[in-house]
Protein backbone atom coordinates (compact mmCIF):
# COMPACT_ATOMS: atom_id res chain seq x y z
CA UNK A 1 -9.29 4.47 -6.81
CA UNK A 2 -6.08 5.65 -5.75
CA UNK A 3 -3.69 3.59 -3.70
CA UNK A 4 -3.36 4.85 -0.05
CA UNK A 5 -0.01 5.93 1.42
CA UNK A 6 1.56 3.43 3.74
CA UNK A 7 1.15 5.59 6.67
CA UNK A 8 -2.56 6.10 5.93
CA UNK A 9 -3.03 2.39 5.58
CA UNK A 10 -1.26 1.74 9.00
CA UNK A 11 -3.43 4.37 10.66
CA UNK A 12 -6.56 2.66 9.12
CA UNK A 13 -5.29 -0.57 10.38
CA UNK A 14 -4.86 0.83 14.05
CA UNK A 15 -8.51 2.07 13.90
CA UNK A 16 -9.63 -1.27 12.64
CA UNK A 17 -7.81 -3.04 15.55
CA UNK A 18 -9.41 -0.59 18.09
CA UNK A 19 -12.87 -1.37 16.73
CA UNK A 20 -12.52 -4.98 17.12
CA UNK A 21 -10.92 -4.64 20.66
CA UNK A 22 -13.76 -2.46 21.56
CA UNK A 23 -16.24 -5.52 21.45
CA UNK A 24 -19.27 -3.47 20.29
CA UNK A 25 -19.54 -4.89 17.01
CA UNK A 26 -21.82 -7.52 15.77
CA UNK A 27 -20.34 -10.81 14.33
CA UNK A 28 -21.07 -9.73 10.74
CA UNK A 29 -19.40 -6.23 11.51
CA UNK A 30 -16.52 -7.90 13.05
CA UNK A 31 -16.07 -10.09 10.20
CA UNK A 32 -16.02 -7.21 7.72
CA UNK A 33 -13.63 -5.18 9.76
CA UNK A 34 -11.35 -8.26 10.21
CA UNK A 35 -11.53 -8.95 6.45
CA UNK A 36 -10.49 -5.36 5.92
CA UNK A 37 -7.62 -5.56 8.26
CA UNK A 38 -6.33 -8.59 6.77
CA UNK A 39 -6.40 -6.95 3.29
CA UNK A 40 -4.70 -3.89 4.66
CA UNK A 41 -2.02 -5.72 6.66
CA UNK A 42 -1.16 -7.91 3.56
CA UNK A 43 -0.83 -4.75 1.37
CA UNK A 44 1.37 -3.18 4.08
CA UNK A 45 3.59 -6.27 4.09
CA UNK A 46 3.87 -5.97 0.32
CA UNK A 47 4.84 -2.43 0.44
CA UNK A 48 7.43 -3.10 3.26
CA UNK A 49 8.97 -6.02 1.10
CA UNK A 50 9.09 -3.75 -1.93
CA UNK A 51 10.90 -1.10 0.08
CA UNK A 52 13.46 -3.61 1.49
CA UNK A 53 14.25 -4.76 -1.98
CA UNK A 54 14.86 -1.17 -3.11
CA UNK A 55 17.19 -0.73 -0.20
CA UNK A 56 19.11 -3.88 -1.00
CA UNK A 57 19.64 -2.75 -4.63
CA UNK A 58 21.04 0.60 -3.24
CA UNK A 59 23.35 -1.26 -0.84
CA UNK A 60 24.85 -3.58 -3.54
CA UNK A 61 28.60 -3.07 -3.95
CA UNK A 62 30.16 -2.31 -7.41
CA UNK A 63 31.02 -6.05 -7.54
CA UNK A 64 27.21 -6.70 -7.46
CA UNK A 65 27.37 -8.24 -3.97
CA UNK A 66 24.89 -7.26 -1.26
CA UNK A 67 26.74 -5.38 1.55
CA UNK A 68 24.48 -5.54 4.64
CA UNK A 69 25.15 -2.89 6.98
CA UNK A 70 22.78 -0.73 9.41
CA UNK A 71 21.72 2.29 7.76
CA UNK A 72 23.36 5.41 9.32
CA UNK A 73 21.64 8.39 7.67
CA UNK A 74 23.96 10.87 9.15
CA UNK A 75 26.84 9.02 7.40
CA UNK A 76 25.00 8.60 4.04
CA UNK A 77 24.20 12.28 3.94
CA UNK A 78 27.82 13.24 4.95
CA UNK A 79 28.95 11.28 1.97
CA UNK A 80 26.44 12.95 -0.42
CA UNK A 81 27.56 16.40 0.55
CA UNK A 82 31.23 15.74 0.99
CA UNK A 83 31.70 13.03 -1.87
């Protein structure tokens, strides 16, 4: 089984929330949907944390210190094309 894309997982999570909010599910169905939602939310959190670590690595200075600054994609792209 292939791993879903983050956006697909978030979309599925939204669907599950709507189903739960609809109130039309039996208790057993609600528990199954809730369990799937918890698994998906944990997976999404894990993926976000992995992405955050990658960004932090990319933002480290030459001295190895983490330089925390807001991402300005226009500035970053300008440096790529001009630098």
